[in-house]
Amino acid sequence: MLDGPRFGPRAAPVRQLVILCHGLGADGHDLIDLGPHWATALPHAAFVAPDAPEACDLGPYGRQWFSVGDRSPPSRLAGVTQGAAALDPFIDAELARHGLPAHAYALMGFSQGAMTALFCGLRRPVPPRAILAFSGALIAPETLPARADFPPVFIVHGEDDGVVPVAGSRAAESALRAHGIAVEALYRPGLEHGIDAVGLSSASLFLQRVFDGS
């Protein structure tokens, strides 16, 4: 079972869960500091940033949701399926840990974590309240299920990203809209592979809206 650093809630009781999925070669500590930032908008939220299930192929430290040694479409699909299979039971376990109903969560991911959060969250039997995808892409959009209860998706991507090109998020936005999924997208001029203050603040407002009243 996955595990990682946690933050919150700032105010009891816990009413929401936000799961933060880090990028390739990082670990949960890379994203858990988003918890204090977003807790201003969600004081009753518990935040957790699980370490991905595998040691990173590309270096002596860090974790990965799936290998990028083979970037062919079949390999990427097999990899993200494996990563999502590790994330899926962790979501259930964290909801149970806090005694929360099955829908009281959101998924956020950065880079490879965004790819994993999108793949997992769009296929969960009880979907999240929202998925936030920073600097990511939508792997195998042709495999999206047919359903009427897709969660809304918030996409943020730097236009100068040289690691995961912004074209990945633009293609994801188009594919999600084609499936009838509500999408908000924010493309940041001059931003490379990272998260800036505008993206953080916009995501905070988005989370506040999707959890409004719960």
N, C-alpha and C. Protein backbone atom coordinates (compact mmCIF):
# COMPACT_ATOMS: atom_id res chain seq x y z
N MET A 1 0.85 -1.20 0.00
CA MET A 1 0.00 0.00 0.00
C MET A 1 0.88 1.25 0.00
N LEU A 2 0.49 2.25 -0.76
CA LEU A 2 1.23 3.50 -0.80
C LEU A 2 1.14 4.23 0.54
N ASP A 3 2.08 5.13 0.74
CA ASP A 3 2.05 6.00 1.91
C ASP A 3 2.83 7.26 1.56
N GLY A 4 2.68 8.29 2.38
CA GLY A 4 3.39 9.53 2.13
C GLY A 4 3.03 10.58 3.15
N PRO A 5 3.61 11.76 3.04
CA PRO A 5 3.36 12.82 4.02
C PRO A 5 1.94 13.34 3.96
N ARG A 6 1.48 13.85 5.10
CA ARG A 6 0.12 14.35 5.24
C ARG A 6 0.11 15.74 5.87
N PHE A 7 -0.96 16.46 5.60
CA PHE A 7 -1.19 17.77 6.23
C PHE A 7 -2.68 17.95 6.46
N GLY A 8 -3.03 18.55 7.60
CA GLY A 8 -4.40 18.93 7.86
C GLY A 8 -5.21 17.83 8.52
N PRO A 9 -6.46 18.23 8.82
CA PRO A 9 -7.11 19.49 8.43
C PRO A 9 -6.70 20.64 9.33
N ARG A 10 -6.88 21.84 8.82
CA ARG A 10 -6.60 23.03 9.62
C ARG A 10 -7.68 23.22 10.69
N ALA A 11 -8.91 22.78 10.38
CA ALA A 11 -10.02 22.87 11.33
C ALA A 11 -10.78 21.56 11.32
N ALA A 12 -11.10 21.04 12.50
CA ALA A 12 -11.88 19.80 12.59
C ALA A 12 -13.36 20.11 12.38
N PRO A 13 -14.12 19.13 11.88
CA PRO A 13 -13.71 17.78 11.49
C PRO A 13 -13.22 17.74 10.04
N VAL A 14 -12.67 16.60 9.64
CA VAL A 14 -12.31 16.40 8.23
C VAL A 14 -13.58 16.25 7.40
N ARG A 15 -13.68 17.03 6.35
CA ARG A 15 -14.84 16.93 5.45
C ARG A 15 -14.46 16.59 4.01
N GLN A 16 -13.20 16.83 3.66
CA GLN A 16 -12.75 16.54 2.31
C GLN A 16 -11.35 15.94 2.36
N LEU A 17 -11.01 15.23 1.31
CA LEU A 17 -9.69 14.64 1.13
C LEU A 17 -9.15 15.12 -0.21
N VAL A 18 -7.90 15.59 -0.21
CA VAL A 18 -7.23 15.98 -1.45
C VAL A 18 -5.95 15.17 -1.56
N ILE A 19 -5.83 14.39 -2.62
CA ILE A 19 -4.68 13.53 -2.84
C ILE A 19 -3.80 14.16 -3.91
N LEU A 20 -2.51 14.32 -3.59
CA LEU A 20 -1.55 15.03 -4.43
C LEU A 20 -0.56 14.03 -5.01
N CYS A 21 -0.50 13.92 -6.32
CA CYS A 21 0.34 12.92 -6.99
C CYS A 21 1.54 13.59 -7.65
N HIS A 22 2.73 13.28 -7.16
CA HIS A 22 3.95 13.95 -7.61
C HIS A 22 4.40 13.48 -8.99
N GLY A 23 5.39 14.16 -9.51
CA GLY A 23 5.92 13.85 -10.83
C GLY A 23 7.06 12.85 -10.80
N LEU A 24 7.57 12.54 -11.96
CA LEU A 24 8.64 11.56 -12.14
C LEU A 24 9.91 12.01 -11.41
N GLY A 25 10.48 11.11 -10.62
CA GLY A 25 11.73 11.39 -9.94
C GLY A 25 11.60 12.18 -8.66
N ALA A 26 10.39 12.46 -8.24
CA ALA A 26 10.15 13.18 -6.99
C ALA A 26 9.56 12.20 -5.98
N ASP A 27 8.98 12.74 -4.91
CA ASP A 27 8.22 11.92 -3.97
C ASP A 27 7.16 12.81 -3.33
N GLY A 28 6.45 12.28 -2.35
CA GLY A 28 5.34 13.02 -1.78
C GLY A 28 5.73 14.35 -1.15
N HIS A 29 6.96 14.45 -0.65
CA HIS A 29 7.40 15.70 -0.03
C HIS A 29 7.47 16.84 -1.05
N ASP A 30 7.52 16.50 -2.33
CA ASP A 30 7.59 17.52 -3.38
C ASP A 30 6.30 18.33 -3.48
N LEU A 31 5.17 17.74 -3.06
CA LEU A 31 3.87 18.41 -3.23
C LEU A 31 3.12 18.69 -1.94
N ILE A 32 3.52 18.10 -0.83
CA ILE A 32 2.69 18.23 0.37
C ILE A 32 2.58 19.68 0.84
N ASP A 33 3.54 20.54 0.48
CA ASP A 33 3.45 21.94 0.88
C ASP A 33 2.31 22.68 0.18
N LEU A 34 1.67 22.05 -0.78
CA LEU A 34 0.45 22.64 -1.35
C LEU A 34 -0.68 22.60 -0.33
N GLY A 35 -0.61 21.65 0.61
CA GLY A 35 -1.66 21.53 1.63
C GLY A 35 -1.87 22.81 2.41
N PRO A 36 -0.83 23.38 3.05
CA PRO A 36 -1.02 24.63 3.78
C PRO A 36 -1.53 25.77 2.89
N HIS A 37 -1.12 25.77 1.64
CA HIS A 37 -1.57 26.84 0.73
C HIS A 37 -3.08 26.71 0.46
N TRP A 38 -3.53 25.51 0.13
CA TRP A 38 -4.94 25.32 -0.23
C TRP A 38 -5.83 25.17 0.99
N ALA A 39 -5.25 24.95 2.16
CA ALA A 39 -6.06 24.83 3.38
C ALA A 39 -6.75 26.14 3.74
N THR A 40 -6.26 27.24 3.23
CA THR A 40 -6.94 28.52 3.46
C THR A 40 -8.34 28.48 2.84
N ALA A 41 -8.45 27.86 1.67
CA ALA A 41 -9.74 27.73 1.01
C ALA A 41 -10.52 26.52 1.51
N LEU A 42 -9.80 25.49 1.95
CA LEU A 42 -10.43 24.24 2.40
C LEU A 42 -9.92 23.90 3.80
N PRO A 43 -10.34 24.63 4.82
CA PRO A 43 -9.82 24.39 6.17
C PRO A 43 -10.17 23.01 6.73
N HIS A 44 -11.21 22.38 6.19
CA HIS A 44 -11.62 21.06 6.69
C HIS A 44 -11.07 19.92 5.83
N ALA A 45 -10.11 20.21 4.96
CA ALA A 45 -9.56 19.19 4.09
C ALA A 45 -8.32 18.54 4.69
N ALA A 46 -8.21 17.23 4.50
CA ALA A 46 -6.98 16.50 4.78
C ALA A 46 -6.24 16.32 3.46
N PHE A 47 -4.95 16.59 3.48
CA PHE A 47 -4.12 16.47 2.28
C PHE A 47 -3.12 15.34 2.49
N VAL A 48 -2.90 14.55 1.45
CA VAL A 48 -1.91 13.48 1.50
C VAL A 48 -1.23 13.38 0.15
N ALA A 49 0.09 13.19 0.18
CA ALA A 49 0.89 13.11 -1.05
C ALA A 49 1.63 11.78 -1.07
N PRO A 50 1.02 10.74 -1.62
CA PRO A 50 1.66 9.41 -1.59
C PRO A 50 2.91 9.34 -2.45
N ASP A 51 3.89 8.60 -1.97
CA ASP A 51 5.04 8.27 -2.80
C ASP A 51 4.61 7.25 -3.84
N ALA A 52 4.99 7.48 -5.08
CA ALA A 52 4.64 6.56 -6.16
C ALA A 52 5.21 5.16 -5.89
N PRO A 53 4.66 4.14 -6.52
CA PRO A 53 4.98 2.76 -6.13
C PRO A 53 6.35 2.25 -6.52
N GLU A 54 7.04 2.90 -7.50
CA GLU A 54 8.29 2.35 -8.00
C GLU A 54 9.44 3.32 -7.79
N ALA A 55 10.65 2.78 -7.60
CA ALA A 55 11.85 3.60 -7.65
C ALA A 55 12.04 4.12 -9.07
N CYS A 56 12.51 5.36 -9.18
CA CYS A 56 12.64 5.98 -10.49
C CYS A 56 13.74 5.32 -11.31
N ASP A 57 13.42 5.02 -12.58
CA ASP A 57 14.39 4.42 -13.48
C ASP A 57 15.56 5.34 -13.81
N LEU A 58 15.33 6.65 -13.71
CA LEU A 58 16.27 7.61 -14.29
C LEU A 58 17.31 8.13 -13.31
N GLY A 59 17.26 7.72 -12.06
CA GLY A 59 18.23 8.25 -11.12
C GLY A 59 18.30 7.42 -9.85
N PRO A 60 19.21 7.80 -8.98
CA PRO A 60 19.40 7.02 -7.75
C PRO A 60 18.39 7.35 -6.64
N TYR A 61 17.49 8.29 -6.91
CA TYR A 61 16.51 8.67 -5.90
C TYR A 61 15.20 9.02 -6.59
N GLY A 62 14.16 9.22 -5.80
CA GLY A 62 12.87 9.58 -6.36
C GLY A 62 12.05 8.36 -6.75
N ARG A 63 10.78 8.61 -7.05
CA ARG A 63 9.81 7.56 -7.35
C ARG A 63 9.15 7.82 -8.70
N GLN A 64 8.48 6.82 -9.21
CA GLN A 64 7.74 6.96 -10.46
C GLN A 64 6.45 6.17 -10.38
N TRP A 65 5.42 6.69 -11.07
CA TRP A 65 4.15 5.98 -11.17
C TRP A 65 4.25 4.88 -12.22
N PHE A 66 5.10 5.12 -13.23
CA PHE A 66 5.35 4.11 -14.25
C PHE A 66 6.64 4.47 -14.97
N SER A 67 7.23 3.47 -15.61
CA SER A 67 8.49 3.67 -16.31
C SER A 67 8.29 4.47 -17.59
N VAL A 68 9.28 5.28 -17.92
CA VAL A 68 9.25 6.01 -19.19
C VAL A 68 10.36 5.51 -20.13
N GLY A 69 10.90 4.33 -19.83
CA GLY A 69 11.94 3.78 -20.68
C GLY A 69 11.45 3.52 -22.09
N ASP A 70 10.21 3.12 -22.22
CA ASP A 70 9.57 2.89 -23.52
C ASP A 70 8.37 3.84 -23.58
N ARG A 71 8.43 4.81 -24.48
CA ARG A 71 7.37 5.83 -24.56
C ARG A 71 6.37 5.55 -25.66
N SER A 72 6.36 4.34 -26.18
CA SER A 72 5.37 3.98 -27.19
C SER A 72 3.97 4.01 -26.57
N PRO A 73 2.94 4.28 -27.36
CA PRO A 73 1.59 4.33 -26.80
C PRO A 73 1.17 3.08 -26.03
N PRO A 74 1.44 1.86 -26.52
CA PRO A 74 1.05 0.69 -25.72
C PRO A 74 1.76 0.62 -24.37
N SER A 75 3.04 0.99 -24.36
CA SER A 75 3.78 0.95 -23.10
C SER A 75 3.29 2.02 -22.14
N ARG A 76 2.99 3.20 -22.65
CA ARG A 76 2.47 4.27 -21.79
C ARG A 76 1.13 3.86 -21.20
N LEU A 77 0.28 3.24 -22.00
CA LEU A 77 -1.02 2.79 -21.50
C LEU A 77 -0.84 1.72 -20.43
N ALA A 78 0.04 0.76 -20.68
CA ALA A 78 0.27 -0.29 -19.69
C ALA A 78 0.84 0.30 -18.41
N GLY A 79 1.74 1.28 -18.55
CA GLY A 79 2.36 1.89 -17.38
C GLY A 79 1.38 2.68 -16.54
N VAL A 80 0.59 3.53 -17.18
CA VAL A 80 -0.34 4.35 -16.41
C VAL A 80 -1.46 3.49 -15.81
N THR A 81 -1.80 2.41 -16.48
CA THR A 81 -2.78 1.47 -15.90
C THR A 81 -2.23 0.87 -14.61
N GLN A 82 -0.95 0.52 -14.62
CA GLN A 82 -0.30 -0.02 -13.43
C GLN A 82 -0.22 1.03 -12.32
N GLY A 83 0.15 2.26 -12.67
CA GLY A 83 0.21 3.32 -11.68
C GLY A 83 -1.15 3.61 -11.06
N ALA A 84 -2.17 3.65 -11.89
CA ALA A 84 -3.53 3.90 -11.39
C ALA A 84 -4.00 2.76 -10.50
N ALA A 85 -3.58 1.55 -10.81
CA ALA A 85 -3.97 0.39 -9.98
C ALA A 85 -3.37 0.49 -8.58
N ALA A 86 -2.22 1.15 -8.45
CA ALA A 86 -1.64 1.37 -7.12
C ALA A 86 -2.34 2.51 -6.40
N LEU A 87 -2.72 3.54 -7.13
CA LEU A 87 -3.37 4.71 -6.53
C LEU A 87 -4.79 4.40 -6.09
N ASP A 88 -5.49 3.58 -6.84
CA ASP A 88 -6.91 3.33 -6.60
C ASP A 88 -7.22 2.84 -5.17
N PRO A 89 -6.57 1.77 -4.68
CA PRO A 89 -6.88 1.32 -3.32
C PRO A 89 -6.41 2.30 -2.25
N PHE A 90 -5.38 3.10 -2.57
CA PHE A 90 -4.92 4.10 -1.61
C PHE A 90 -6.01 5.14 -1.37
N ILE A 91 -6.71 5.54 -2.43
CA ILE A 91 -7.81 6.50 -2.28
C ILE A 91 -8.87 5.93 -1.34
N ASP A 92 -9.26 4.69 -1.57
CA ASP A 92 -10.28 4.07 -0.72
C ASP A 92 -9.81 4.00 0.74
N ALA A 93 -8.54 3.64 0.93
CA ALA A 93 -8.02 3.52 2.29
C ALA A 93 -7.99 4.87 3.01
N GLU A 94 -7.65 5.94 2.29
CA GLU A 94 -7.60 7.26 2.91
C GLU A 94 -9.00 7.78 3.23
N LEU A 95 -9.95 7.51 2.37
CA LEU A 95 -11.33 7.88 2.67
C LEU A 95 -11.81 7.15 3.92
N ALA A 96 -11.49 5.86 4.01
CA ALA A 96 -11.88 5.09 5.19
C ALA A 96 -11.17 5.59 6.44
N ARG A 97 -9.91 5.96 6.32
CA ARG A 97 -9.14 6.47 7.45
C ARG A 97 -9.84 7.66 8.10
N HIS A 98 -10.44 8.50 7.27
CA HIS A 98 -11.08 9.71 7.77
C HIS A 98 -12.59 9.57 7.94
N GLY A 99 -13.13 8.40 7.64
CA GLY A 99 -14.57 8.19 7.76
C GLY A 99 -15.37 9.05 6.81
N LEU A 100 -14.84 9.26 5.61
CA LEU A 100 -15.48 10.13 4.63
C LEU A 100 -16.31 9.32 3.63
N PRO A 101 -17.36 9.93 3.09
CA PRO A 101 -18.12 9.25 2.04
C PRO A 101 -17.29 9.10 0.77
N ALA A 102 -17.73 8.21 -0.10
CA ALA A 102 -16.93 7.81 -1.25
C ALA A 102 -16.66 8.92 -2.24
N HIS A 103 -17.47 9.99 -2.21
CA HIS A 103 -17.31 11.06 -3.20
C HIS A 103 -16.55 12.27 -2.65
N ALA A 104 -16.10 12.24 -1.39
CA ALA A 104 -15.60 13.44 -0.73
C ALA A 104 -14.10 13.63 -0.94
N TYR A 105 -13.66 13.55 -2.20
CA TYR A 105 -12.22 13.68 -2.46
C TYR A 105 -11.98 14.34 -3.81
N ALA A 106 -10.77 14.88 -3.94
CA ALA A 106 -10.29 15.41 -5.21
C ALA A 106 -8.90 14.84 -5.46
N LEU A 107 -8.55 14.72 -6.73
CA LEU A 107 -7.22 14.27 -7.11
C LEU A 107 -6.47 15.40 -7.79
N MET A 108 -5.23 15.58 -7.41
CA MET A 108 -4.35 16.55 -8.06
C MET A 108 -3.07 15.84 -8.46
N GLY A 109 -2.53 16.18 -9.61
CA GLY A 109 -1.26 15.61 -10.01
C GLY A 109 -0.43 16.59 -10.78
N PHE A 110 0.88 16.41 -10.69
CA PHE A 110 1.83 17.21 -11.45
C PHE A 110 2.62 16.30 -12.38
N SER A 111 2.68 16.65 -13.67
CA SER A 111 3.47 15.94 -14.65
C SER A 111 3.01 14.47 -14.75
N GLN A 112 3.88 13.50 -14.47
CA GLN A 112 3.44 12.11 -14.52
C GLN A 112 2.33 11.83 -13.52
N GLY A 113 2.35 12.55 -12.40
CA GLY A 113 1.26 12.40 -11.43
C GLY A 113 -0.06 12.88 -11.98
N ALA A 114 -0.03 13.93 -12.83
CA ALA A 114 -1.26 14.40 -13.47
C ALA A 114 -1.81 13.36 -14.43
N MET A 115 -0.91 12.72 -15.18
CA MET A 115 -1.35 11.66 -16.09
C MET A 115 -2.01 10.53 -15.33
N THR A 116 -1.43 10.18 -14.20
CA THR A 116 -1.96 9.09 -13.38
C THR A 116 -3.28 9.48 -12.74
N ALA A 117 -3.36 10.70 -12.22
CA ALA A 117 -4.60 11.17 -11.59
C ALA A 117 -5.75 11.21 -12.59
N LEU A 118 -5.46 11.68 -13.80
CA LEU A 118 -6.50 11.71 -14.83
C LEU A 118 -6.96 10.30 -15.19
N PHE A 119 -6.00 9.42 -15.42
CA PHE A 119 -6.36 8.06 -15.83
C PHE A 119 -7.17 7.37 -14.75
N CYS A 120 -6.72 7.49 -13.51
CA CYS A 120 -7.41 6.84 -12.40
C CYS A 120 -8.77 7.48 -12.11
N GLY A 121 -8.76 8.80 -11.94
CA GLY A 121 -9.96 9.49 -11.51
C GLY A 121 -11.12 9.41 -12.49
N LEU A 122 -10.81 9.39 -13.78
CA LEU A 122 -11.87 9.33 -14.78
C LEU A 122 -12.48 7.94 -14.90
N ARG A 123 -11.89 6.95 -14.22
CA ARG A 123 -12.37 5.58 -14.29
C ARG A 123 -12.83 5.03 -12.94
N ARG A 124 -12.71 5.81 -11.87
CA ARG A 124 -13.13 5.33 -10.55
C ARG A 124 -14.63 5.09 -10.52
N PRO A 125 -15.09 4.02 -9.86
CA PRO A 125 -16.54 3.78 -9.76
C PRO A 125 -17.29 4.96 -9.16
N VAL A 126 -16.74 5.55 -8.11
CA VAL A 126 -17.27 6.81 -7.57
C VAL A 126 -16.25 7.88 -7.91
N PRO A 127 -16.55 8.75 -8.85
CA PRO A 127 -15.54 9.71 -9.31
C PRO A 127 -15.21 10.74 -8.24
N PRO A 128 -14.05 11.36 -8.34
CA PRO A 128 -13.71 12.46 -7.43
C PRO A 128 -14.59 13.67 -7.70
N ARG A 129 -14.57 14.59 -6.76
CA ARG A 129 -15.29 15.85 -6.99
C ARG A 129 -14.64 16.65 -8.10
N ALA A 130 -13.33 16.45 -8.28
CA ALA A 130 -12.60 17.15 -9.34
C ALA A 130 -11.24 16.51 -9.51
N ILE A 131 -10.63 16.75 -10.67
CA ILE A 131 -9.25 16.37 -10.94
C ILE A 131 -8.51 17.63 -11.37
N LEU A 132 -7.36 17.88 -10.75
CA LEU A 132 -6.51 19.01 -11.11
C LEU A 132 -5.24 18.45 -11.74
N ALA A 133 -4.98 18.82 -12.99
CA ALA A 133 -3.85 18.27 -13.74
C ALA A 133 -2.89 19.39 -14.11
N PHE A 134 -1.74 19.42 -13.45
CA PHE A 134 -0.71 20.42 -13.71
C PHE A 134 0.39 19.80 -14.59
N SER A 135 0.66 20.43 -15.71
CA SER A 135 1.79 20.06 -16.58
C SER A 135 1.74 18.59 -16.98
N GLY A 136 0.58 18.11 -17.33
CA GLY A 136 0.42 16.70 -17.65
C GLY A 136 -0.07 16.45 -19.06
N ALA A 137 -0.74 15.32 -19.22
CA ALA A 137 -1.30 14.90 -20.50
C ALA A 137 -2.33 13.82 -20.22
N LEU A 138 -3.16 13.55 -21.20
CA LEU A 138 -4.18 12.50 -21.09
C LEU A 138 -3.73 11.31 -21.91
N ILE A 139 -3.37 10.23 -21.24
CA ILE A 139 -2.90 9.03 -21.93
C ILE A 139 -4.09 8.20 -22.39
N ALA A 140 -4.03 7.77 -23.64
CA ALA A 140 -5.03 6.89 -24.25
C ALA A 140 -6.46 7.41 -24.09
N PRO A 141 -6.74 8.62 -24.59
CA PRO A 141 -8.11 9.15 -24.47
C PRO A 141 -9.15 8.26 -25.14
N GLU A 142 -8.72 7.46 -26.11
CA GLU A 142 -9.66 6.58 -26.80
C GLU A 142 -10.20 5.49 -25.89
N THR A 143 -9.58 5.29 -24.72
CA THR A 143 -10.04 4.25 -23.79
C THR A 143 -10.95 4.81 -22.69
N LEU A 144 -11.29 6.09 -22.75
CA LEU A 144 -12.18 6.65 -21.74
C LEU A 144 -13.52 5.91 -21.75
N PRO A 145 -14.05 5.61 -20.57
CA PRO A 145 -15.33 4.90 -20.52
C PRO A 145 -16.48 5.82 -20.90
N ALA A 146 -17.60 5.21 -21.21
CA ALA A 146 -18.83 5.97 -21.43
C ALA A 146 -19.54 6.09 -20.09
N ARG A 147 -19.71 7.31 -19.61
CA ARG A 147 -20.40 7.52 -18.34
C ARG A 147 -20.97 8.93 -18.31
N ALA A 148 -21.93 9.15 -17.44
CA ALA A 148 -22.59 10.45 -17.35
C ALA A 148 -22.11 11.27 -16.17
N ASP A 149 -21.23 10.70 -15.33
CA ASP A 149 -20.85 11.39 -14.10
C ASP A 149 -19.36 11.69 -14.03
N PHE A 150 -18.77 12.05 -15.17
CA PHE A 150 -17.38 12.46 -15.16
C PHE A 150 -17.18 13.66 -14.24
N PRO A 151 -16.07 13.70 -13.51
CA PRO A 151 -15.79 14.87 -12.68
C PRO A 151 -15.27 16.04 -13.51
N PRO A 152 -15.40 17.25 -13.04
CA PRO A 152 -14.79 18.38 -13.74
C PRO A 152 -13.27 18.31 -13.62
N VAL A 153 -12.59 18.85 -14.61
CA VAL A 153 -11.13 18.81 -14.67
C VAL A 153 -10.59 20.23 -14.79
N PHE A 154 -9.56 20.50 -14.00
CA PHE A 154 -8.87 21.79 -14.06
C PHE A 154 -7.45 21.53 -14.57
N ILE A 155 -7.10 22.13 -15.70
CA ILE A 155 -5.81 21.93 -16.35
C ILE A 155 -4.98 23.20 -16.21
N VAL A 156 -3.73 23.04 -15.80
CA VAL A 156 -2.78 24.16 -15.74
C VAL A 156 -1.48 23.70 -16.40
N HIS A 157 -0.92 24.54 -17.27
CA HIS A 157 0.31 24.15 -17.96
C HIS A 157 1.08 25.38 -18.39
N GLY A 158 2.40 25.35 -18.19
CA GLY A 158 3.26 26.42 -18.66
C GLY A 158 3.49 26.32 -20.16
N GLU A 159 3.38 27.45 -20.84
CA GLU A 159 3.53 27.44 -22.30
C GLU A 159 4.98 27.22 -22.74
N ASP A 160 5.93 27.40 -21.83
CA ASP A 160 7.34 27.18 -22.16
C ASP A 160 7.88 25.89 -21.55
N ASP A 161 7.00 24.95 -21.25
CA ASP A 161 7.39 23.68 -20.65
C ASP A 161 8.19 22.86 -21.66
N GLY A 162 9.45 22.57 -21.32
CA GLY A 162 10.29 21.77 -22.19
C GLY A 162 10.37 20.32 -21.80
N VAL A 163 9.70 19.93 -20.72
CA VAL A 163 9.72 18.55 -20.24
C VAL A 163 8.48 17.81 -20.71
N VAL A 164 7.32 18.36 -20.40
CA VAL A 164 6.05 17.85 -20.92
C VAL A 164 5.43 18.99 -21.73
N PRO A 165 5.54 18.97 -23.04
CA PRO A 165 5.08 20.11 -23.84
C PRO A 165 3.61 20.44 -23.59
N VAL A 166 3.31 21.73 -23.67
CA VAL A 166 1.96 22.21 -23.41
C VAL A 166 0.95 21.59 -24.37
N ALA A 167 1.42 21.11 -25.52
CA ALA A 167 0.51 20.45 -26.46
C ALA A 167 -0.19 19.27 -25.82
N GLY A 168 0.44 18.64 -24.84
CA GLY A 168 -0.20 17.52 -24.15
C GLY A 168 -1.46 17.93 -23.42
N SER A 169 -1.41 19.07 -22.74
CA SER A 169 -2.61 19.55 -22.04
C SER A 169 -3.64 20.09 -23.01
N ARG A 170 -3.19 20.73 -24.07
CA ARG A 170 -4.17 21.22 -25.06
C ARG A 170 -4.92 20.06 -25.71
N ALA A 171 -4.20 18.98 -26.02
CA ALA A 171 -4.86 17.80 -26.58
C ALA A 171 -5.79 17.17 -25.55
N ALA A 172 -5.36 17.16 -24.28
CA ALA A 172 -6.22 16.61 -23.22
C ALA A 172 -7.50 17.42 -23.09
N GLU A 173 -7.37 18.74 -23.13
CA GLU A 173 -8.55 19.60 -23.03
C GLU A 173 -9.54 19.28 -24.14
N SER A 174 -9.05 19.17 -25.37
CA SER A 174 -9.93 18.87 -26.51
C SER A 174 -10.60 17.51 -26.36
N ALA A 175 -9.82 16.50 -25.97
CA ALA A 175 -10.38 15.15 -25.83
C ALA A 175 -11.41 15.09 -24.71
N LEU A 176 -11.13 15.75 -23.60
CA LEU A 176 -12.08 15.74 -22.49
C LEU A 176 -13.38 16.44 -22.87
N ARG A 177 -13.26 17.57 -23.52
CA ARG A 177 -14.47 18.29 -23.95
C ARG A 177 -15.28 17.44 -24.94
N ALA A 178 -14.59 16.71 -25.79
CA ALA A 178 -15.28 15.85 -26.76
C ALA A 178 -16.08 14.75 -26.07
N HIS A 179 -15.67 14.39 -24.85
CA HIS A 179 -16.40 13.39 -24.06
C HIS A 179 -17.44 14.02 -23.13
N GLY A 180 -17.67 15.32 -23.30
CA GLY A 180 -18.68 15.99 -22.49
C GLY A 180 -18.22 16.33 -21.09
N ILE A 181 -16.91 16.33 -20.86
CA ILE A 181 -16.37 16.60 -19.52
C ILE A 181 -16.14 18.09 -19.36
N ALA A 182 -16.58 18.63 -18.24
CA ALA A 182 -16.37 20.05 -17.95
C ALA A 182 -14.90 20.30 -17.68
N VAL A 183 -14.31 21.23 -18.41
CA VAL A 183 -12.88 21.52 -18.28
C VAL A 183 -12.67 23.01 -18.11
N GLU A 184 -11.80 23.36 -17.17
CA GLU A 184 -11.26 24.71 -17.08
C GLU A 184 -9.77 24.59 -17.34
N ALA A 185 -9.23 25.42 -18.20
CA ALA A 185 -7.82 25.33 -18.56
C ALA A 185 -7.14 26.68 -18.40
N LEU A 186 -5.93 26.64 -17.88
CA LEU A 186 -5.13 27.83 -17.66
C LEU A 186 -3.74 27.57 -18.22
N TYR A 187 -3.37 28.31 -19.25
CA TYR A 187 -2.05 28.17 -19.87
C TYR A 187 -1.23 29.41 -19.52
N ARG A 188 -0.05 29.18 -18.93
CA ARG A 188 0.72 30.27 -18.34
C ARG A 188 1.90 30.67 -19.24
N PRO A 189 1.84 31.86 -19.84
CA PRO A 189 2.95 32.33 -20.67
C PRO A 189 4.24 32.43 -19.86
N GLY A 190 5.33 31.96 -20.45
CA GLY A 190 6.64 32.08 -19.82
C GLY A 190 6.95 31.04 -18.76
N LEU A 191 5.97 30.24 -18.36
CA LEU A 191 6.20 29.24 -17.32
C LEU A 191 6.78 27.98 -17.93
N GLU A 192 7.84 27.44 -17.30
CA GLU A 192 8.43 26.20 -17.73
C GLU A 192 7.76 25.03 -16.98
N HIS A 193 8.49 24.00 -16.65
CA HIS A 193 7.90 22.80 -16.04
C HIS A 193 7.78 23.03 -14.53
N GLY A 194 6.70 23.63 -14.12
CA GLY A 194 6.54 23.94 -12.71
C GLY A 194 5.15 24.48 -12.43
N ILE A 195 4.96 24.91 -11.20
CA ILE A 195 3.69 25.46 -10.73
C ILE A 195 3.96 26.86 -10.23
N ASP A 196 3.20 27.84 -10.72
CA ASP A 196 3.42 29.22 -10.28
C ASP A 196 2.28 29.69 -9.38
N ALA A 197 2.41 30.90 -8.87
CA ALA A 197 1.45 31.44 -7.91
C ALA A 197 0.06 31.60 -8.53
N VAL A 198 0.01 31.95 -9.80
CA VAL A 198 -1.29 32.12 -10.45
C VAL A 198 -2.01 30.77 -10.55
N GLY A 199 -1.27 29.74 -10.93
CA GLY A 199 -1.87 28.41 -11.00
C GLY A 199 -2.35 27.92 -9.65
N LEU A 200 -1.55 28.16 -8.62
CA LEU A 200 -1.93 27.74 -7.27
C LEU A 200 -3.20 28.45 -6.81
N SER A 201 -3.25 29.76 -7.01
CA SER A 201 -4.41 30.53 -6.55
C SER A 201 -5.66 30.15 -7.33
N SER A 202 -5.52 29.96 -8.64
CA SER A 202 -6.67 29.58 -9.45
C SER A 202 -7.19 28.20 -9.05
N ALA A 203 -6.27 27.28 -8.77
CA ALA A 203 -6.67 25.95 -8.33
C ALA A 203 -7.35 25.99 -6.97
N SER A 204 -6.88 26.87 -6.11
CA SER A 204 -7.50 27.02 -4.79
C SER A 204 -8.96 27.44 -4.92
N LEU A 205 -9.22 28.38 -5.79
CA LEU A 205 -10.60 28.83 -6.02
C LEU A 205 -11.44 27.72 -6.64
N PHE A 206 -10.84 26.97 -7.55
CA PHE A 206 -11.54 25.85 -8.18
C PHE A 206 -11.93 24.80 -7.14
N LEU A 207 -11.00 24.44 -6.27
CA LEU A 207 -11.30 23.47 -5.22
C LEU A 207 -12.39 23.97 -4.30
N GLN A 208 -12.33 25.24 -3.96
CA GLN A 208 -13.35 25.82 -3.09
C GLN A 208 -14.72 25.71 -3.73
N ARG A 209 -14.81 25.94 -5.03
CA ARG A 209 -16.11 25.85 -5.72
C ARG A 209 -16.62 24.42 -5.75
N VAL A 210 -15.75 23.45 -6.09
CA VAL A 210 -16.26 22.09 -6.24
C VAL A 210 -16.66 21.47 -4.91
N PHE A 211 -16.06 21.96 -3.83
CA PHE A 211 -16.42 21.44 -2.51
C PHE A 211 -17.38 22.36 -1.76
N ASP A 212 -17.90 23.35 -2.42
CA ASP A 212 -18.75 24.32 -1.75
C ASP A 212 -19.92 23.62 -1.06
N GLY A 213 -20.07 23.89 0.26
CA GLY A 213 -21.18 23.34 1.02
C GLY A 213 -20.98 21.94 1.53
N SER A 214 -19.75 21.38 1.32
CA SER A 214 -19.53 20.00 1.80
C SER A 214 -18.27 19.93 2.65
